[in-house]
């Protein structure tokens, strides 16, 4: 651990349709809202120790990331994979390298996100 920095406080992800994105992350991924400021376009969602903060994108011409913005950790990757597929989420193949498993998916705006699993 760093002498000066204890943890990542939040992770920011830009979205175009702010209200729809907040609803999608809560209804599909099961997150809860920590706080929401729809006027200024910020919402922090509870997900483990580090919240995900959705930010209204101001430049509509920006493309979603071509690489994953971050990984979610799950102890049961097959269950998470099937859950996303059942909600018609665009999911790529499940990969495995020894005890490390992962896959990528896209949120409703095309942001690339990852899910990983490994023994803790």
PDB file of N, CA and C in Angstrom:
ATOM      1  N   UNK A   1       0.843  -1.171   0.000  1.00  0.00           N
ATOM      2  CA  UNK A   1       0.000   0.000   0.000  1.00  0.00           C
ATOM      3  C   UNK A   1       0.891   1.237   0.000  1.00  0.00           C
ATOM      4  N   UNK A   2       0.418   2.281  -0.643  1.00  0.00           N
ATOM      5  CA  UNK A   2       1.148   3.534  -0.698  1.00  0.00           C
ATOM      6  C   UNK A   2       1.085   4.258   0.643  1.00  0.00           C
ATOM      7  N   UNK A   3       2.137   4.967   0.943  1.00  0.00           N
ATOM      8  CA  UNK A   3       2.162   5.780   2.158  1.00  0.00           C
ATOM      9  C   UNK A   3       1.166   6.936   2.060  1.00  0.00           C
ATOM     10  N   UNK A   4       0.896   7.386   0.830  1.00  0.00           N
ATOM     11  CA  UNK A   4       0.071   8.574   0.624  1.00  0.00           C
ATOM     12  C   UNK A   4      -1.354   8.274   0.175  1.00  0.00           C
ATOM     13  N   UNK A   5      -1.554   7.136  -0.475  1.00  0.00           N
ATOM     14  CA  UNK A   5      -2.865   6.839  -1.052  1.00  0.00           C
ATOM     15  C   UNK A   5      -3.371   5.508  -0.523  1.00  0.00           C
ATOM     16  N   UNK A   6      -4.572   5.506   0.050  1.00  0.00           N
ATOM     17  CA  UNK A   6      -5.119   4.304   0.675  1.00  0.00           C
ATOM     18  C   UNK A   6      -5.885   3.414  -0.296  1.00  0.00           C
ATOM     19  N   UNK A   7      -6.605   4.023  -1.255  1.00  0.00           N
ATOM     20  CA  UNK A   7      -7.453   3.232  -2.144  1.00  0.00           C
ATOM     21  C   UNK A   7      -7.913   4.104  -3.301  1.00  0.00           C
ATOM     22  N   UNK A   8      -8.524   3.486  -4.284  1.00  0.00           N
ATOM     23  CA  UNK A   8      -9.229   4.226  -5.328  1.00  0.00           C
ATOM     24  C   UNK A   8     -10.599   4.548  -4.756  1.00  0.00           C
ATOM     25  N   UNK A   9     -10.958   5.811  -4.746  1.00  0.00           N
ATOM     26  CA  UNK A   9     -12.218   6.235  -4.149  1.00  0.00           C
ATOM     27  C   UNK A   9     -13.412   5.915  -5.035  1.00  0.00           C
ATOM     28  N   UNK A  10     -13.266   6.108  -6.337  1.00  0.00           N
ATOM     29  CA  UNK A  10     -14.347   5.813  -7.272  1.00  0.00           C
ATOM     30  C   UNK A  10     -13.756   5.617  -8.655  1.00  0.00           C
ATOM     31  N   UNK A  11     -14.523   5.002  -9.529  1.00  0.00           N
ATOM     32  CA  UNK A  11     -14.163   4.840 -10.933  1.00  0.00           C
ATOM     33  C   UNK A  11     -15.226   5.582 -11.732  1.00  0.00           C
ATOM     34  N   UNK A  12     -14.809   6.416 -12.690  1.00  0.00           N
ATOM     35  CA  UNK A  12     -15.740   7.206 -13.485  1.00  0.00           C
ATOM     36  C   UNK A  12     -15.952   6.563 -14.850  1.00  0.00           C
ATOM     37  N   UNK A  13     -17.198   6.572 -15.305  1.00  0.00           N
ATOM     38  CA  UNK A  13     -17.536   6.065 -16.630  1.00  0.00           C
ATOM     39  C   UNK A  13     -18.493   7.048 -17.278  1.00  0.00           C
ATOM     40  N   UNK A  14     -18.130   7.552 -18.476  1.00  0.00           N
ATOM     41  CA  UNK A  14     -18.978   8.513 -19.175  1.00  0.00           C
ATOM     42  C   UNK A  14     -20.091   7.800 -19.926  1.00  0.00           C
ATOM     43  N   UNK A  15     -21.291   8.391 -19.869  1.00  0.00           N
ATOM     44  CA  UNK A  15     -22.463   7.845 -20.555  1.00  0.00           C
ATOM     45  C   UNK A  15     -23.209   8.985 -21.236  1.00  0.00           C
ATOM     46  N   UNK A  16     -23.874   8.686 -22.339  1.00  0.00           N
ATOM     47  CA  UNK A  16     -24.632   9.707 -23.067  1.00  0.00           C
ATOM     48  C   UNK A  16     -26.018   9.875 -22.461  1.00  0.00           C
ATOM     49  N   UNK A  17     -26.778   8.782 -22.367  1.00  0.00           N
ATOM     50  CA  UNK A  17     -28.133   8.838 -21.812  1.00  0.00           C
ATOM     51  C   UNK A  17     -28.039   8.527 -20.320  1.00  0.00           C
ATOM     52  N   UNK A  18     -27.820   9.558 -19.538  1.00  0.00           N
ATOM     53  CA  UNK A  18     -27.518   9.422 -18.118  1.00  0.00           C
ATOM     54  C   UNK A  18     -28.593   8.653 -17.353  1.00  0.00           C
ATOM     55  N   UNK A  19     -29.848   9.074 -17.465  1.00  0.00           N
ATOM     56  CA  UNK A  19     -30.925   8.437 -16.703  1.00  0.00           C
ATOM     57  C   UNK A  19     -31.092   6.975 -17.097  1.00  0.00           C
ATOM     58  N   UNK A  20     -31.019   6.699 -18.384  1.00  0.00           N
ATOM     59  CA  UNK A  20     -31.156   5.320 -18.863  1.00  0.00           C
ATOM     60  C   UNK A  20     -29.993   4.460 -18.360  1.00  0.00           C
ATOM     61  N   UNK A  21     -28.796   5.032 -18.335  1.00  0.00           N
ATOM     62  CA  UNK A  21     -27.622   4.285 -17.864  1.00  0.00           C
ATOM     63  C   UNK A  21     -27.738   3.954 -16.378  1.00  0.00           C
ATOM     64  N   UNK A  22     -28.182   4.906 -15.571  1.00  0.00           N
ATOM     65  CA  UNK A  22     -28.358   4.640 -14.138  1.00  0.00           C
ATOM     66  C   UNK A  22     -29.341   3.492 -13.957  1.00  0.00           C
ATOM     67  N   UNK A  23     -30.448   3.536 -14.683  1.00  0.00           N
ATOM     68  CA  UNK A  23     -31.449   2.472 -14.587  1.00  0.00           C
ATOM     69  C   UNK A  23     -30.875   1.129 -15.030  1.00  0.00           C
ATOM     70  N   UNK A  24     -30.110   1.098 -16.126  1.00  0.00           N
ATOM     71  CA  UNK A  24     -29.549  -0.147 -16.660  1.00  0.00           C
ATOM     72  C   UNK A  24     -28.575  -0.773 -15.661  1.00  0.00           C
ATOM     73  N   UNK A  25     -27.671   0.023 -15.114  1.00  0.00           N
ATOM     74  CA  UNK A  25     -26.696  -0.518 -14.164  1.00  0.00           C
ATOM     75  C   UNK A  25     -27.376  -1.048 -12.898  1.00  0.00           C
ATOM     76  N   UNK A  26     -28.488  -0.435 -12.515  1.00  0.00           N
ATOM     77  CA  UNK A  26     -29.219  -0.917 -11.329  1.00  0.00           C
ATOM     78  C   UNK A  26     -30.073  -2.138 -11.658  1.00  0.00           C
ATOM     79  N   UNK A  27     -30.808  -2.099 -12.767  1.00  0.00           N
ATOM     80  CA  UNK A  27     -31.730  -3.201 -13.066  1.00  0.00           C
ATOM     81  C   UNK A  27     -31.024  -4.423 -13.642  1.00  0.00           C
ATOM     82  N   UNK A  28     -30.019  -4.243 -14.478  1.00  0.00           N
ATOM     83  CA  UNK A  28     -29.342  -5.384 -15.109  1.00  0.00           C
ATOM     84  C   UNK A  28     -28.188  -5.900 -14.248  1.00  0.00           C
ATOM     85  N   UNK A  29     -27.349  -5.016 -13.742  1.00  0.00           N
ATOM     86  CA  UNK A  29     -26.192  -5.452 -12.963  1.00  0.00           C
ATOM     87  C   UNK A  29     -26.474  -5.526 -11.465  1.00  0.00           C
ATOM     88  N   UNK A  30     -27.601  -4.984 -11.033  1.00  0.00           N
ATOM     89  CA  UNK A  30     -27.996  -5.113  -9.636  1.00  0.00           C
ATOM     90  C   UNK A  30     -27.327  -4.145  -8.677  1.00  0.00           C
ATOM     91  N   UNK A  31     -26.760  -3.046  -9.186  1.00  0.00           N
ATOM     92  CA  UNK A  31     -26.139  -2.054  -8.319  1.00  0.00           C
ATOM     93  C   UNK A  31     -27.223  -1.204  -7.662  1.00  0.00           C
ATOM     94  N   UNK A  32     -26.877  -0.530  -6.582  1.00  0.00           N
ATOM     95  CA  UNK A  32     -27.794   0.410  -5.947  1.00  0.00           C
ATOM     96  C   UNK A  32     -27.180   1.801  -6.012  1.00  0.00           C
ATOM     97  N   UNK A  33     -28.040   2.802  -5.957  1.00  0.00           N
ATOM     98  CA  UNK A  33     -27.586   4.189  -6.054  1.00  0.00           C
ATOM     99  C   UNK A  33     -27.123   4.667  -4.683  1.00  0.00           C
ATOM    100  N   UNK A  34     -25.892   5.118  -4.623  1.00  0.00           N
ATOM    101  CA  UNK A  34     -25.349   5.723  -3.398  1.00  0.00           C
ATOM    102  C   UNK A  34     -25.827   7.167  -3.317  1.00  0.00           C
ATOM    103  N   UNK A  35     -25.672   7.902  -4.411  1.00  0.00           N
ATOM    104  CA  UNK A  35     -26.215   9.252  -4.542  1.00  0.00           C
ATOM    105  C   UNK A  35     -26.364   9.563  -6.024  1.00  0.00           C
ATOM    106  N   UNK A  36     -27.299  10.468  -6.330  1.00  0.00           N
ATOM    107  CA  UNK A  36     -27.612  10.787  -7.718  1.00  0.00           C
ATOM    108  C   UNK A  36     -27.839  12.290  -7.836  1.00  0.00           C
ATOM    109  N   UNK A  37     -27.139  12.922  -8.780  1.00  0.00           N
ATOM    110  CA  UNK A  37     -27.297  14.344  -9.070  1.00  0.00           C
ATOM    111  C   UNK A  37     -27.625  14.481 -10.555  1.00  0.00           C
ATOM    112  N   UNK A  38     -28.897  14.243 -10.938  1.00  0.00           N
ATOM    113  CA  UNK A  38     -29.249  14.268 -12.357  1.00  0.00           C
ATOM    114  C   UNK A  38     -29.100  15.642 -13.000  1.00  0.00           C
ATOM    115  N   UNK A  39     -29.179  16.710 -12.235  1.00  0.00           N
ATOM    116  CA  UNK A  39     -29.028  18.051 -12.806  1.00  0.00           C
ATOM    117  C   UNK A  39     -27.613  18.237 -13.348  1.00  0.00           C
ATOM    118  N   UNK A  40     -26.622  17.823 -12.582  1.00  0.00           N
ATOM    119  CA  UNK A  40     -25.226  17.956 -13.012  1.00  0.00           C
ATOM    120  C   UNK A  40     -24.688  16.713 -13.707  1.00  0.00           C
ATOM    121  N   UNK A  41     -25.477  15.634 -13.726  1.00  0.00           N
ATOM    122  CA  UNK A  41     -25.084  14.439 -14.465  1.00  0.00           C
ATOM    123  C   UNK A  41     -24.061  13.560 -13.787  1.00  0.00           C
ATOM    124  N   UNK A  42     -24.230  13.317 -12.497  1.00  0.00           N
ATOM    125  CA  UNK A  42     -23.351  12.412 -11.752  1.00  0.00           C
ATOM    126  C   UNK A  42     -24.198  11.479 -10.896  1.00  0.00           C
ATOM    127  N   UNK A  43     -23.837  10.195 -10.869  1.00  0.00           N
ATOM    128  CA  UNK A  43     -24.492   9.239  -9.972  1.00  0.00           C
ATOM    129  C   UNK A  43     -23.459   8.221  -9.527  1.00  0.00           C
ATOM    130  N   UNK A  44     -23.335   8.035  -8.228  1.00  0.00           N
ATOM    131  CA  UNK A  44     -22.426   7.027  -7.679  1.00  0.00           C
ATOM    132  C   UNK A  44     -23.237   5.782  -7.355  1.00  0.00           C
ATOM    133  N   UNK A  45     -22.766   4.639  -7.845  1.00  0.00           N
ATOM    134  CA  UNK A  45     -23.457   3.372  -7.648  1.00  0.00           C
ATOM    135  C   UNK A  45     -22.633   2.482  -6.735  1.00  0.00           C
ATOM    136  N   UNK A  46     -23.292   1.829  -5.804  1.00  0.00           N
ATOM    137  CA  UNK A  46     -22.623   0.926  -4.868  1.00  0.00           C
ATOM    138  C   UNK A  46     -22.260  -0.377  -5.552  1.00  0.00           C
ATOM    139  N   UNK A  47     -20.971  -0.720  -5.485  1.00  0.00           N
ATOM    140  CA  UNK A  47     -20.466  -1.993  -5.994  1.00  0.00           C
ATOM    141  C   UNK A  47     -19.221  -2.323  -5.197  1.00  0.00           C
ATOM    142  N   UNK A  48     -19.374  -3.051  -4.145  1.00  0.00           N
ATOM    143  CA  UNK A  48     -18.227  -3.407  -3.315  1.00  0.00           C
ATOM    144  C   UNK A  48     -17.618  -2.204  -2.631  1.00  0.00           C
ATOM    145  N   UNK A  49     -16.292  -2.203  -2.500  1.00  0.00           N
ATOM    146  CA  UNK A  49     -15.596  -1.139  -1.781  1.00  0.00           C
ATOM    147  C   UNK A  49     -15.472   0.147  -2.583  1.00  0.00           C
ATOM    148  N   UNK A  50     -15.385   0.054  -3.901  1.00  0.00           N
ATOM    149  CA  UNK A  50     -15.166   1.217  -4.749  1.00  0.00           C
ATOM    150  C   UNK A  50     -16.400   1.467  -5.598  1.00  0.00           C
ATOM    151  N   UNK A  51     -17.068   2.610  -5.430  1.00  0.00           N
ATOM    152  CA  UNK A  51     -18.260   2.868  -6.225  1.00  0.00           C
ATOM    153  C   UNK A  51     -17.920   3.166  -7.684  1.00  0.00           C
ATOM    154  N   UNK A  52     -18.903   2.949  -8.531  1.00  0.00           N
ATOM    155  CA  UNK A  52     -18.833   3.329  -9.938  1.00  0.00           C
ATOM    156  C   UNK A  52     -19.619   4.618 -10.076  1.00  0.00           C
ATOM    157  N   UNK A  53     -18.989   5.670 -10.587  1.00  0.00           N
ATOM    158  CA  UNK A  53     -19.667   6.946 -10.769  1.00  0.00           C
ATOM    159  C   UNK A  53     -19.918   7.165 -12.254  1.00  0.00           C
ATOM    160  N   UNK A  54     -21.201   7.205 -12.610  1.00  0.00           N
ATOM    161  CA  UNK A  54     -21.590   7.499 -13.984  1.00  0.00           C
ATOM    162  C   UNK A  54     -21.593   9.012 -14.157  1.00  0.00           C
ATOM    163  N   UNK A  55     -21.043   9.467 -15.294  1.00  0.00           N
ATOM    164  CA  UNK A  55     -20.924  10.889 -15.582  1.00  0.00           C
ATOM    165  C   UNK A  55     -21.548  11.143 -16.944  1.00  0.00           C
ATOM    166  N   UNK A  56     -22.451  12.130 -17.017  1.00  0.00           N
ATOM    167  CA  UNK A  56     -23.061  12.475 -18.301  1.00  0.00           C
ATOM    168  C   UNK A  56     -21.973  12.979 -19.246  1.00  0.00           C
ATOM    169  N   UNK A  57     -21.872  12.342 -20.407  1.00  0.00           N
ATOM    170  CA  UNK A  57     -20.876  12.715 -21.416  1.00  0.00           C
ATOM    171  C   UNK A  57     -21.312  14.025 -22.059  1.00  0.00           C
ATOM    172  N   UNK A  58     -20.400  14.975 -22.145  1.00  0.00           N
ATOM    173  CA  UNK A  58     -20.740  16.280 -22.715  1.00  0.00           C
ATOM    174  C   UNK A  58     -20.456  16.345 -24.206  1.00  0.00           C
ATOM    175  N   UNK A  59     -19.520  15.548 -24.701  1.00  0.00           N
ATOM    176  CA  UNK A  59     -19.182  15.541 -26.121  1.00  0.00           C
ATOM    177  C   UNK A  59     -19.772  14.293 -26.750  1.00  0.00           C
ATOM    178  N   UNK A  60     -20.865  14.444 -27.487  1.00  0.00           N
ATOM    179  CA  UNK A  60     -21.567  13.310 -28.078  1.00  0.00           C
ATOM    180  C   UNK A  60     -20.748  12.622 -29.170  1.00  0.00           C
ATOM    181  N   UNK A  61     -19.682  13.251 -29.657  1.00  0.00           N
ATOM    182  CA  UNK A  61     -18.902  12.680 -30.752  1.00  0.00           C
ATOM    183  C   UNK A  61     -17.852  11.684 -30.280  1.00  0.00           C
ATOM    184  N   UNK A  62     -17.590  11.642 -28.993  1.00  0.00           N
ATOM    185  CA  UNK A  62     -16.601  10.702 -28.475  1.00  0.00           C
ATOM    186  C   UNK A  62     -17.100   9.274 -28.644  1.00  0.00           C
ATOM    187  N   UNK A  63     -16.211   8.385 -29.044  1.00  0.00           N
ATOM    188  CA  UNK A  63     -16.561   6.974 -29.186  1.00  0.00           C
ATOM    189  C   UNK A  63     -16.333   6.256 -27.865  1.00  0.00           C
ATOM    190  N   UNK A  64     -17.085   5.173 -27.637  1.00  0.00           N
ATOM    191  CA  UNK A  64     -16.801   4.369 -26.442  1.00  0.00           C
ATOM    192  C   UNK A  64     -15.382   3.802 -26.516  1.00  0.00           C
ATOM    193  N   UNK A  65     -14.841   3.445 -25.377  1.00  0.00           N
ATOM    194  CA  UNK A  65     -13.491   2.879 -25.321  1.00  0.00           C
ATOM    195  C   UNK A  65     -13.392   1.606 -26.143  1.00  0.00           C
ATOM    196  N   UNK A  66     -12.258   1.426 -26.812  1.00  0.00           N
ATOM    197  CA  UNK A  66     -12.007   0.188 -27.545  1.00  0.00           C
ATOM    198  C   UNK A  66     -11.452  -0.879 -26.611  1.00  0.00           C
ATOM    199  N   UNK A  67     -11.000  -0.464 -25.445  1.00  0.00           N
ATOM    200  CA  UNK A  67     -10.468  -1.384 -24.442  1.00  0.00           C
ATOM    201  C   UNK A  67     -11.352  -1.306 -23.206  1.00  0.00           C
ATOM    202  N   UNK A  68     -11.281  -2.337 -22.387  1.00  0.00           N
ATOM    203  CA  UNK A  68     -12.074  -2.343 -21.159  1.00  0.00           C
ATOM    204  C   UNK A  68     -11.703  -1.158 -20.277  1.00  0.00           C
ATOM    205  N   UNK A  69     -12.712  -0.554 -19.676  1.00  0.00           N
ATOM    206  CA  UNK A  69     -12.462   0.529 -18.730  1.00  0.00           C
ATOM    207  C   UNK A  69     -12.007  -0.026 -17.391  1.00  0.00           C
ATOM    208  N   UNK A  70     -12.558  -1.182 -16.992  1.00  0.00           N
ATOM    209  CA  UNK A  70     -12.215  -1.821 -15.727  1.00  0.00           C
ATOM    210  C   UNK A  70     -12.831  -3.205 -15.703  1.00  0.00           C
ATOM    211  N   UNK A  71     -12.437  -3.999 -14.725  1.00  0.00           N
ATOM    212  CA  UNK A  71     -12.995  -5.335 -14.497  1.00  0.00           C
ATOM    213  C   UNK A  71     -13.852  -5.329 -13.247  1.00  0.00           C
ATOM    214  N   UNK A  72     -14.943  -6.071 -13.300  1.00  0.00           N
ATOM    215  CA  UNK A  72     -15.686  -6.432 -12.101  1.00  0.00           C
ATOM    216  C   UNK A  72     -15.141  -7.779 -11.654  1.00  0.00           C
ATOM    217  N   UNK A  73     -15.052  -8.001 -10.357  1.00  0.00           N
ATOM    218  CA  UNK A  73     -14.669  -9.314  -9.843  1.00  0.00           C
ATOM    219  C   UNK A  73     -15.927 -10.052  -9.426  1.00  0.00           C
ATOM    220  N   UNK A  74     -15.988 -11.359  -9.730  1.00  0.00           N
ATOM    221  CA  UNK A  74     -17.081 -12.205  -9.275  1.00  0.00           C
ATOM    222  C   UNK A  74     -16.518 -13.540  -8.810  1.00  0.00           C
ATOM    223  N   UNK A  75     -17.064 -14.115  -7.746  1.00  0.00           N
ATOM    224  CA  UNK A  75     -16.614 -15.444  -7.336  1.00  0.00           C
ATOM    225  C   UNK A  75     -17.202 -16.548  -8.216  1.00  0.00           C
ATOM    226  N   UNK A  76     -18.281 -16.250  -8.962  1.00  0.00           N
ATOM    227  CA  UNK A  76     -18.932 -17.245  -9.815  1.00  0.00           C
ATOM    228  C   UNK A  76     -19.110 -16.667 -11.213  1.00  0.00           C
ATOM    229  N   UNK A  77     -18.098 -16.835 -12.047  1.00  0.00           N
ATOM    230  CA  UNK A  77     -18.110 -16.191 -13.355  1.00  0.00           C
ATOM    231  C   UNK A  77     -19.157 -16.786 -14.297  1.00  0.00           C
ATOM    232  N   UNK A  78     -19.409 -18.077 -14.195  1.00  0.00           N
ATOM    233  CA  UNK A  78     -20.420 -18.687 -15.060  1.00  0.00           C
ATOM    234  C   UNK A  78     -21.799 -18.112 -14.760  1.00  0.00           C
ATOM    235  N   UNK A  79     -22.102 -17.920 -13.497  1.00  0.00           N
ATOM    236  CA  UNK A  79     -23.388 -17.341 -13.105  1.00  0.00           C
ATOM    237  C   UNK A  79     -23.505 -15.900 -13.615  1.00  0.00           C
ATOM    238  N   UNK A  80     -22.451 -15.108 -13.478  1.00  0.00           N
ATOM    239  CA  UNK A  80     -22.462 -13.727 -13.964  1.00  0.00           C
ATOM    240  C   UNK A  80     -22.609 -13.695 -15.483  1.00  0.00           C
ATOM    241  N   UNK A  81     -21.898 -14.575 -16.172  1.00  0.00           N
ATOM    242  CA  UNK A  81     -21.956 -14.662 -17.632  1.00  0.00           C
ATOM    243  C   UNK A  81     -23.384 -14.965 -18.089  1.00  0.00           C
ATOM    244  N   UNK A  82     -23.997 -15.980 -17.481  1.00  0.00           N
ATOM    245  CA  UNK A  82     -25.363 -16.364 -17.851  1.00  0.00           C
ATOM    246  C   UNK A  82     -26.368 -15.270 -17.518  1.00  0.00           C
ATOM    247  N   UNK A  83     -26.176 -14.581 -16.412  1.00  0.00           N
ATOM    248  CA  UNK A  83     -27.074 -13.488 -16.028  1.00  0.00           C
ATOM    249  C   UNK A  83     -27.078 -12.396 -17.098  1.00  0.00           C
ATOM    250  N   UNK A  84     -25.895 -12.010 -17.565  1.00  0.00           N
ATOM    251  CA  UNK A  84     -25.814 -10.969 -18.592  1.00  0.00           C
ATOM    252  C   UNK A  84     -26.444 -11.433 -19.898  1.00  0.00           C
ATOM    253  N   UNK A  85     -26.189 -12.668 -20.298  1.00  0.00           N
ATOM    254  CA  UNK A  85     -26.787 -13.201 -21.528  1.00  0.00           C
ATOM    255  C   UNK A  85     -28.310 -13.230 -21.426  1.00  0.00           C
ATOM    256  N   UNK A  86     -28.841 -13.587 -20.254  1.00  0.00           N
ATOM    257  CA  UNK A  86     -30.295 -13.610 -20.051  1.00  0.00           C
ATOM    258  C   UNK A  86     -30.909 -12.219 -20.172  1.00  0.00           C
ATOM    259  N   UNK A  87     -30.108 -11.171 -19.948  1.00  0.00           N
ATOM    260  CA  UNK A  87     -30.580  -9.797 -20.078  1.00  0.00           C
ATOM    261  C   UNK A  87     -30.198  -9.194 -21.431  1.00  0.00           C
ATOM    262  N   UNK A  88     -29.886 -10.068 -22.397  1.00  0.00           N
ATOM    263  CA  UNK A  88     -29.563  -9.657 -23.774  1.00  0.00           C
ATOM    264  C   UNK A  88     -28.399  -8.673 -23.854  1.00  0.00           C
ATOM    265  N   UNK A  89     -27.435  -8.830 -22.957  1.00  0.00           N
ATOM    266  CA  UNK A  89     -26.229  -8.009 -22.984  1.00  0.00           C
ATOM    267  C   UNK A  89     -25.258  -8.637 -23.978  1.00  0.00           C
ATOM    268  N   UNK A  90     -24.577  -7.795 -24.767  1.00  0.00           N
ATOM    269  CA  UNK A  90     -23.580  -8.287 -25.717  1.00  0.00           C
ATOM    270  C   UNK A  90     -22.358  -8.775 -24.938  1.00  0.00           C
ATOM    271  N   UNK A  91     -22.184 -10.101 -24.914  1.00  0.00           N
ATOM    272  CA  UNK A  91     -21.136 -10.739 -24.119  1.00  0.00           C
ATOM    273  C   UNK A  91     -20.194 -11.500 -25.045  1.00  0.00           C
ATOM    274  N   UNK A  92     -18.886 -11.355 -24.829  1.00  0.00           N
ATOM    275  CA  UNK A  92     -17.908 -12.114 -25.603  1.00  0.00           C
ATOM    276  C   UNK A  92     -17.638 -13.445 -24.916  1.00  0.00           C
ATOM    277  N   UNK A  93     -16.802 -14.270 -25.537  1.00  0.00           N
ATOM    278  CA  UNK A  93     -16.582 -15.627 -25.020  1.00  0.00           C
ATOM    279  C   UNK A  93     -15.902 -15.605 -23.660  1.00  0.00           C
ATOM    280  N   UNK A  94     -16.168 -16.655 -22.909  1.00  0.00           N
ATOM    281  CA  UNK A  94     -15.560 -16.852 -21.597  1.00  0.00           C
ATOM    282  C   UNK A  94     -14.166 -17.442 -21.806  1.00  0.00           C
ATOM    283  N   UNK A  95     -13.153 -16.808 -21.240  1.00  0.00           N
ATOM    284  CA  UNK A  95     -11.758 -17.234 -21.380  1.00  0.00           C
ATOM    285  C   UNK A  95     -11.252 -17.812 -20.068  1.00  0.00           C
ATOM    286  N   UNK A  96     -10.258 -18.695 -20.183  1.00  0.00           N
ATOM    287  CA  UNK A  96      -9.687 -19.308 -18.989  1.00  0.00           C
ATOM    288  C   UNK A  96      -8.185 -19.491 -19.188  1.00  0.00           C
ATOM    289  N   UNK A  97      -7.418 -19.137 -18.162  1.00  0.00           N
ATOM    290  CA  UNK A  97      -5.977 -19.345 -18.160  1.00  0.00           C
ATOM    291  C   UNK A  97      -5.611 -19.845 -16.765  1.00  0.00           C
ATOM    292  N   UNK A  98      -5.581 -21.149 -16.622  1.00  0.00           N
ATOM    293  CA  UNK A  98      -5.350 -21.729 -15.298  1.00  0.00           C
ATOM    294  C   UNK A  98      -6.541 -21.458 -14.398  1.00  0.00           C
ATOM    295  N   UNK A  99      -6.293 -20.807 -13.283  1.00  0.00           N
ATOM    296  CA  UNK A  99      -7.387 -20.501 -12.360  1.00  0.00           C
ATOM    297  C   UNK A  99      -8.000 -19.123 -12.603  1.00  0.00           C
ATOM    298  N   UNK A 100      -7.461 -18.369 -13.565  1.00  0.00           N
ATOM    299  CA  UNK A 100      -7.983 -17.039 -13.890  1.00  0.00           C
ATOM    300  C   UNK A 100      -8.962 -17.154 -15.053  1.00  0.00           C
ATOM    301  N   UNK A 101     -10.191 -16.665 -14.859  1.00  0.00           N
ATOM    302  CA  UNK A 101     -11.218 -16.674 -15.908  1.00  0.00           C
ATOM    303  C   UNK A 101     -11.683 -15.244 -16.125  1.00  0.00           C
ATOM    304  N   UNK A 102     -12.085 -14.931 -17.375  1.00  0.00           N
ATOM    305  CA  UNK A 102     -12.546 -13.582 -17.667  1.00  0.00           C
ATOM    306  C   UNK A 102     -13.384 -13.560 -18.937  1.00  0.00           C
ATOM    307  N   UNK A 103     -14.166 -12.491 -19.073  1.00  0.00           N
ATOM    308  CA  UNK A 103     -14.871 -12.193 -20.314  1.00  0.00           C
ATOM    309  C   UNK A 103     -15.129 -10.694 -20.373  1.00  0.00           C
ATOM    310  N   UNK A 104     -15.444 -10.237 -21.570  1.00  0.00           N
ATOM    311  CA  UNK A 104     -15.770  -8.835 -21.776  1.00  0.00           C
ATOM    312  C   UNK A 104     -17.225  -8.727 -22.188  1.00  0.00           C
ATOM    313  N   UNK A 105     -17.814  -7.567 -21.905  1.00  0.00           N
ATOM    314  CA  UNK A 105     -19.168  -7.285 -22.366  1.00  0.00           C
ATOM    315  C   UNK A 105     -19.294  -5.793 -22.604  1.00  0.00           C
ATOM    316  N   UNK A 106     -20.392  -5.402 -23.250  1.00  0.00           N
ATOM    317  CA  UNK A 106     -20.649  -3.987 -23.512  1.00  0.00           C
ATOM    318  C   UNK A 106     -21.893  -3.557 -22.757  1.00  0.00           C
ATOM    319  N   UNK A 107     -21.821  -2.352 -22.194  1.00  0.00           N
ATOM    320  CA  UNK A 107     -23.015  -1.816 -21.555  1.00  0.00           C
ATOM    321  C   UNK A 107     -23.957  -1.280 -22.629  1.00  0.00           C
ATOM    322  N   UNK A 108     -25.047  -0.656 -22.244  1.00  0.00           N
ATOM    323  CA  UNK A 108     -26.047  -0.221 -23.203  1.00  0.00           C
ATOM    324  C   UNK A 108     -25.540   0.854 -24.144  1.00  0.00           C
ATOM    325  N   UNK A 109     -24.406   1.498 -23.844  1.00  0.00           N
ATOM    326  CA  UNK A 109     -23.851   2.532 -24.709  1.00  0.00           C
ATOM    327  C   UNK A 109     -22.597   2.078 -25.446  1.00  0.00           C
ATOM    328  N   UNK A 110     -22.260   0.808 -25.329  1.00  0.00           N
ATOM    329  CA  UNK A 110     -21.106   0.282 -26.039  1.00  0.00           C
ATOM    330  C   UNK A 110     -19.795   0.372 -25.286  1.00  0.00           C
ATOM    331  N   UNK A 111     -19.815   0.809 -24.028  1.00  0.00           N
ATOM    332  CA  UNK A 111     -18.590   0.822 -23.219  1.00  0.00           C
ATOM    333  C   UNK A 111     -18.158  -0.611 -22.951  1.00  0.00           C
ATOM    334  N   UNK A 112     -16.896  -0.897 -23.186  1.00  0.00           N
ATOM    335  CA  UNK A 112     -16.354  -2.240 -22.958  1.00  0.00           C
ATOM    336  C   UNK A 112     -15.993  -2.391 -21.484  1.00  0.00           C
ATOM    337  N   UNK A 113     -16.543  -3.431 -20.869  1.00  0.00           N
ATOM    338  CA  UNK A 113     -16.290  -3.720 -19.466  1.00  0.00           C
ATOM    339  C   UNK A 113     -15.874  -5.170 -19.341  1.00  0.00           C
ATOM    340  N   UNK A 114     -15.199  -5.513 -18.271  1.00  0.00           N
ATOM    341  CA  UNK A 114     -14.739  -6.880 -18.086  1.00  0.00           C
ATOM    342  C   UNK A 114     -15.240  -7.474 -16.792  1.00  0.00           C
ATOM    343  N   UNK A 115     -15.232  -8.795 -16.754  1.00  0.00           N
ATOM    344  CA  UNK A 115     -15.545  -9.546 -15.545  1.00  0.00           C
ATOM    345  C   UNK A 115     -14.444 -10.576 -15.386  1.00  0.00           C
ATOM    346  N   UNK A 116     -13.911 -10.707 -14.184  1.00  0.00           N
ATOM    347  CA  UNK A 116     -12.876 -11.704 -13.943  1.00  0.00           C
ATOM    348  C   UNK A 116     -13.192 -12.492 -12.685  1.00  0.00           C
ATOM    349  N   UNK A 117     -12.564 -13.669 -12.589  1.00  0.00           N
ATOM    350  CA  UNK A 117     -12.746 -14.538 -11.436  1.00  0.00           C
ATOM    351  C   UNK A 117     -11.459 -15.311 -11.207  1.00  0.00           C
ATOM    352  N   UNK A 118     -11.093 -15.449  -9.946  1.00  0.00           N
ATOM    353  CA  UNK A 118      -9.907 -16.210  -9.561  1.00  0.00           C
ATOM    354  C   UNK A 118     -10.042 -16.549  -8.091  1.00  0.00           C
ATOM    355  N   UNK A 119      -9.348 -17.582  -7.635  1.00  0.00           N
ATOM    356  CA  UNK A 119      -9.422 -17.935  -6.216  1.00  0.00           C
ATOM    357  C   UNK A 119      -8.848 -16.810  -5.354  1.00  0.00           C
ATOM    358  N   UNK A 120      -9.550 -16.477  -4.298  1.00  0.00           N
ATOM    359  CA  UNK A 120      -9.061 -15.412  -3.404  1.00  0.00           C
ATOM    360  C   UNK A 120      -8.296 -16.005  -2.246  1.00  0.00           C
TER     361      UNK A 120
END
